[in-house]
Protein backbone atom coordinates (compact mmCIF):
# COMPACT_ATOMS: atom_id res chain seq x y z
CA MET A 1 -96.04 -21.11 -111.05
CA ILE A 2 -97.41 -21.40 -114.64
CA ALA A 3 -96.26 -18.52 -116.86
CA ILE A 4 -98.82 -16.45 -118.73
CA ARG A 5 -97.11 -14.99 -121.83
CA LYS A 6 -97.51 -11.33 -122.70
CA ASP A 7 -98.15 -10.31 -126.25
CA ASP A 8 -94.48 -9.69 -127.03
CA GLU A 9 -93.51 -13.02 -125.52
CA LEU A 10 -96.13 -14.85 -127.57
CA GLU A 11 -94.85 -13.15 -130.70
CA ALA A 12 -91.27 -14.35 -129.85
CA MET A 13 -92.60 -17.84 -129.34
CA ARG A 14 -94.31 -17.68 -132.70
CA VAL A 15 -90.97 -17.01 -134.30
CA SER A 16 -89.09 -19.83 -132.47
CA GLY A 17 -92.11 -22.14 -133.11
CA ARG A 18 -92.12 -21.49 -136.86
CA MET A 19 -88.35 -22.13 -136.88
CA ALA A 20 -88.79 -25.47 -135.10
CA GLY A 21 -91.64 -26.41 -137.35
CA GLU A 22 -89.73 -25.62 -140.47
CA VAL A 23 -86.70 -27.67 -139.31
CA ARG A 24 -88.94 -30.59 -138.35
CA GLN A 25 -90.64 -30.54 -141.75
CA LYS A 26 -87.40 -30.30 -143.79
CA VAL A 27 -85.53 -32.94 -141.69
CA SER A 28 -88.53 -35.33 -141.99
CA LYS A 29 -88.37 -35.07 -145.76
CA LYS A 30 -84.77 -36.35 -145.64
CA VAL A 31 -85.77 -39.54 -143.78
CA ARG A 32 -85.23 -42.38 -146.23
CA PRO A 33 -83.48 -45.80 -146.37
CA GLY A 34 -79.69 -45.54 -146.04
CA VAL A 35 -79.66 -42.15 -144.32
CA THR A 36 -78.30 -42.15 -140.77
CA THR A 37 -79.84 -40.27 -137.88
CA LEU A 38 -76.53 -38.57 -137.45
CA GLU A 39 -76.77 -37.19 -140.95
CA LEU A 40 -80.26 -35.94 -140.14
CA SER A 41 -78.89 -34.27 -137.04
CA GLU A 42 -76.12 -32.55 -139.01
CA TYR A 43 -78.68 -31.34 -141.55
CA ALA A 44 -80.84 -29.94 -138.76
CA ALA A 45 -77.83 -28.09 -137.34
CA GLU A 46 -77.33 -26.40 -140.70
CA LEU A 47 -80.93 -25.43 -140.92
CA ILE A 48 -81.07 -23.99 -137.36
CA ARG A 49 -77.87 -22.04 -137.90
CA ASP A 50 -79.17 -20.61 -141.20
CA LEU A 51 -82.34 -19.48 -139.46
CA GLY A 52 -80.31 -17.68 -136.87
CA GLY A 53 -81.43 -19.91 -133.97
CA GLU A 54 -79.76 -22.54 -131.82
CA SER A 55 -80.65 -26.06 -130.85
CA ALA A 56 -82.49 -26.12 -127.53
CA PHE A 57 -81.44 -29.77 -127.09
CA LEU A 58 -77.69 -29.76 -127.64
CA GLY A 59 -76.06 -29.72 -124.25
CA TYR A 60 -79.39 -29.66 -122.34
CA GLN A 61 -78.54 -31.55 -119.19
CA GLY A 62 -75.71 -33.08 -121.11
CA PHE A 63 -77.71 -34.26 -124.20
CA PRO A 64 -75.19 -34.80 -127.04
CA GLY A 65 -77.44 -34.28 -130.09
CA VAL A 66 -78.86 -31.33 -131.95
CA ILE A 67 -82.17 -33.21 -132.45
CA CYS A 68 -83.61 -36.43 -130.97
CA ALA A 69 -84.04 -39.26 -133.42
CA SER A 70 -85.79 -42.29 -132.05
CA VAL A 71 -86.24 -45.40 -134.18
CA ASN A 72 -88.86 -48.16 -133.78
CA GLU A 73 -88.85 -49.22 -130.15
CA ALA A 74 -87.10 -46.01 -129.08
CA VAL A 75 -89.79 -43.75 -127.63
CA VAL A 76 -87.98 -40.47 -127.12
CA HIS A 77 -84.56 -38.92 -126.55
CA GLY A 78 -82.75 -41.11 -129.10
CA ILE A 79 -79.20 -39.94 -129.70
CA PRO A 80 -78.39 -39.50 -133.43
CA ASP A 81 -75.89 -42.13 -134.58
CA LYS A 82 -74.44 -43.86 -137.67
CA ARG A 83 -77.20 -46.54 -137.86
CA PRO A 84 -78.68 -46.45 -141.39
CA ILE A 85 -82.47 -46.12 -141.54
CA GLU A 86 -84.08 -49.19 -143.12
CA ILE A 87 -87.30 -49.90 -145.01
CA GLY A 88 -90.06 -50.63 -142.43
CA ASP A 89 -88.63 -48.34 -139.75
CA ILE A 90 -90.57 -45.59 -138.03
CA VAL A 91 -88.48 -42.64 -137.02
CA SER A 92 -89.43 -39.90 -134.52
CA ILE A 93 -87.79 -36.56 -135.26
CA ASP A 94 -87.91 -34.22 -132.24
CA VAL A 95 -86.71 -30.63 -132.68
CA GLY A 96 -86.18 -27.86 -130.23
CA VAL A 97 -85.09 -24.34 -131.40
CA ARG A 98 -84.25 -21.42 -129.19
CA TYR A 99 -84.44 -17.93 -130.65
CA GLU A 100 -83.95 -14.72 -128.73
CA GLY A 101 -84.51 -16.63 -125.44
CA TYR A 102 -87.69 -18.56 -126.36
CA ILE A 103 -88.07 -22.21 -127.31
CA GLY A 104 -90.23 -24.01 -129.85
CA ASP A 105 -90.53 -27.75 -129.40
CA THR A 106 -92.09 -30.15 -131.90
CA ALA A 107 -91.86 -33.74 -133.12
CA THR A 108 -93.28 -36.10 -135.80
CA THR A 109 -92.94 -39.71 -136.58
CA VAL A 110 -92.07 -40.70 -140.19
CA MET A 111 -92.87 -44.08 -141.71
CA VAL A 112 -90.16 -45.44 -144.05
CA GLY A 113 -91.73 -47.74 -146.51
CA VAL A 114 -93.99 -49.21 -143.83
CA THR A 115 -96.50 -51.77 -144.99
CA ASP A 116 -97.35 -53.28 -141.59
CA THR A 117 -100.97 -52.10 -140.98
CA ASP A 118 -100.52 -52.20 -137.21
CA LEU A 119 -97.58 -49.71 -137.45
CA VAL A 120 -99.52 -47.47 -139.86
CA THR A 121 -102.43 -47.40 -137.51
CA LEU A 122 -100.13 -46.72 -134.54
CA VAL A 123 -98.60 -43.68 -136.19
CA LYS A 124 -101.85 -42.28 -137.45
CA THR A 125 -103.54 -42.85 -134.10
CA THR A 126 -100.78 -41.04 -132.22
CA GLU A 127 -101.14 -37.97 -134.56
CA ARG A 128 -104.90 -37.99 -133.98
CA ALA A 129 -104.33 -38.22 -130.24
CA LEU A 130 -102.19 -35.10 -130.47
CA ASP A 131 -104.90 -33.27 -132.39
CA ALA A 132 -107.54 -34.33 -129.79
CA GLY A 133 -105.33 -32.94 -126.99
CA ILE A 134 -104.80 -29.72 -128.81
CA ARG A 135 -108.54 -29.13 -129.12
CA GLN A 136 -108.89 -29.17 -125.43
CA ALA A 137 -106.15 -26.47 -124.86
CA ARG A 138 -108.56 -23.53 -124.31
CA ALA A 139 -109.15 -21.19 -121.40
CA GLY A 140 -111.40 -22.62 -118.71
CA ASN A 141 -110.50 -26.29 -119.27
CA ARG A 142 -108.14 -28.13 -116.98
CA VAL A 143 -104.85 -29.79 -117.81
CA SER A 144 -106.30 -33.26 -117.42
CA ASP A 145 -108.92 -32.51 -120.09
CA ILE A 146 -106.02 -32.53 -122.49
CA SER A 147 -104.63 -35.73 -120.95
CA HIS A 148 -107.97 -37.54 -121.11
CA ALA A 149 -108.58 -36.62 -124.74
CA ILE A 150 -105.15 -38.01 -125.77
CA GLU A 151 -105.59 -41.23 -123.79
CA GLN A 152 -109.07 -41.84 -125.15
CA VAL A 153 -107.91 -41.80 -128.79
CA ALA A 154 -104.85 -44.00 -128.05
CA VAL A 155 -106.77 -46.61 -126.03
CA LYS A 156 -109.69 -46.74 -128.45
CA GLY A 157 -107.13 -47.52 -131.18
CA GLY A 158 -105.90 -50.47 -129.08
CA PHE A 159 -102.64 -48.98 -127.98
CA SER A 160 -100.95 -48.01 -124.70
CA VAL A 161 -99.76 -44.66 -123.48
CA VAL A 162 -96.39 -43.98 -121.94
CA ARG A 163 -96.68 -42.73 -118.35
CA GLU A 164 -93.16 -42.04 -117.28
CA PHE A 165 -92.73 -39.11 -119.75
CA VAL A 166 -95.24 -36.34 -120.32
CA GLY A 167 -95.94 -33.04 -122.02
CA HIS A 168 -94.86 -29.82 -120.36
CA GLY A 169 -94.88 -26.08 -120.25
CA VAL A 170 -92.23 -24.52 -122.50
CA GLY A 171 -90.95 -20.99 -123.01
CA LYS A 172 -87.77 -19.50 -121.70
CA ARG A 173 -86.89 -23.03 -120.38
CA MET A 174 -87.33 -26.34 -122.07
CA HIS A 175 -89.36 -27.80 -119.22
CA GLU A 176 -91.70 -25.55 -117.27
CA GLU A 177 -94.97 -26.02 -115.44
CA PRO A 178 -97.45 -27.52 -115.93
CA GLN A 179 -96.67 -31.17 -116.57
CA VAL A 180 -99.27 -32.56 -118.94
CA PRO A 181 -99.65 -36.34 -118.76
CA ASN A 182 -101.03 -38.21 -121.70
CA PHE A 183 -103.49 -40.03 -119.52
CA GLY A 184 -105.96 -39.46 -116.69
CA LYS A 185 -109.49 -38.52 -115.79
CA PRO A 186 -110.89 -35.13 -117.05
CA GLY A 187 -111.56 -32.09 -114.92
CA ARG A 188 -108.39 -32.22 -112.81
CA GLY A 189 -105.20 -30.21 -112.44
CA PRO A 190 -104.58 -26.54 -113.03
CA VAL A 191 -107.14 -24.42 -114.90
CA LEU A 192 -105.87 -23.46 -118.35
CA LYS A 193 -105.56 -19.75 -119.01
CA ALA A 194 -105.04 -17.79 -122.23
CA GLY A 195 -101.32 -17.20 -122.80
CA MET A 196 -100.06 -20.40 -121.31
CA THR A 197 -97.57 -22.11 -123.70
CA ILE A 198 -97.38 -25.94 -123.55
CA ALA A 199 -95.64 -28.68 -125.47
CA LEU A 200 -98.18 -31.50 -125.98
CA GLU A 201 -96.60 -34.75 -126.98
CA PRO A 202 -98.35 -38.16 -126.88
CA MET A 203 -96.07 -41.15 -126.83
CA VAL A 204 -98.02 -44.25 -127.80
CA ASN A 205 -96.85 -47.81 -127.88
CA LEU A 206 -97.84 -50.75 -130.00
CA GLY A 207 -97.38 -53.10 -127.02
CA GLY A 208 -97.24 -52.39 -123.25
CA ALA A 209 -96.89 -48.96 -121.74
CA SER A 210 -93.70 -49.70 -119.73
CA VAL A 211 -90.43 -48.10 -120.81
CA THR A 212 -86.75 -48.23 -119.77
CA VAL A 213 -83.69 -46.05 -120.43
CA LEU A 214 -80.68 -47.58 -122.24
CA ASP A 215 -77.16 -47.55 -120.95
CA ASP A 216 -76.42 -44.33 -122.88
CA GLY A 217 -78.48 -42.67 -120.22
CA TRP A 218 -80.84 -40.99 -122.69
CA THR A 219 -82.57 -43.24 -125.11
CA VAL A 220 -86.01 -44.26 -123.83
CA VAL A 221 -87.27 -47.69 -125.20
CA THR A 222 -90.28 -49.78 -124.72
CA LYS A 223 -89.62 -52.62 -122.27
CA ASP A 224 -91.13 -55.17 -124.65
CA ARG A 225 -89.16 -53.64 -127.50
CA ARG A 226 -92.30 -53.13 -129.65
CA PRO A 227 -92.54 -49.92 -131.65
CA SER A 228 -93.61 -46.51 -130.32
CA ALA A 229 -94.80 -43.31 -132.08
CA HIS A 230 -94.40 -39.71 -130.97
CA PHE A 231 -95.91 -36.47 -132.16
CA GLU A 232 -95.55 -32.99 -130.57
CA HIS A 233 -96.58 -29.37 -131.03
CA THR A 234 -95.97 -26.28 -128.91
CA ILE A 235 -99.30 -24.52 -128.44
CA ALA A 236 -100.61 -21.32 -126.92
CA VAL A 237 -103.77 -21.68 -124.89
CA GLY A 238 -106.52 -19.43 -126.30
CA GLU A 239 -109.75 -18.00 -124.97
CA LYS A 240 -111.73 -19.89 -127.46
CA ALA A 241 -109.26 -22.06 -129.43
CA PRO A 242 -105.62 -22.97 -129.16
CA GLU A 243 -102.84 -21.57 -131.38
CA ILE A 244 -100.34 -24.12 -132.74
CA LEU A 245 -97.06 -22.34 -132.63
CA THR A 246 -94.99 -25.05 -134.39
CA LYS A 247 -97.36 -25.63 -137.27
CA THR A 248 -95.91 -25.17 -140.74
């Protein structure tokens, strides 16, 4: 069953969404050469604590990090570690904040002194794909209208879309119905209704679409080890237009 949020629930999700967006924005500004992803995670922990929330990721199905930090060929679910960030890296910062029982989930990909035009185009295209998907999140459309819009932008840019991991409903739990693939034909899947809350998150690869999970059991990387970008917002489906709950 897909949850339809009541007004008080939507207001609670606006709060957790704003928190997650603020943490994402502040942590992203700390991404620079020499900083480790573990230091970014520790900073995020401070921010979340000061806001009065808690990490929705830490301990979730055993995940050991406060945030996910995925570098270069890492697509999602990267565990923060002591590897220093280098010039030329792209770093996905994924933040989940729980506040009073509701979750905001959001991500961005930061370029660190990137001059490679293919990488720049990859990151910008992935962000545009998210925007295209969000525009379809209105009552009366179907889930795959979002999926199709995301895929069209990515493929037109010459990139591939990850298929094994998808967007998802979010609210009281991190992963709820519906699943929202980043690919597919339009006009399929559940009808979108006002009050649905969904995390849309295109994961777009410079090379092939195939991915694999590293031995740590979490970090998802591209099989060809070429870079991947990731953007995400939690949105509320609206009658005429979506509301981005994690926007800052």
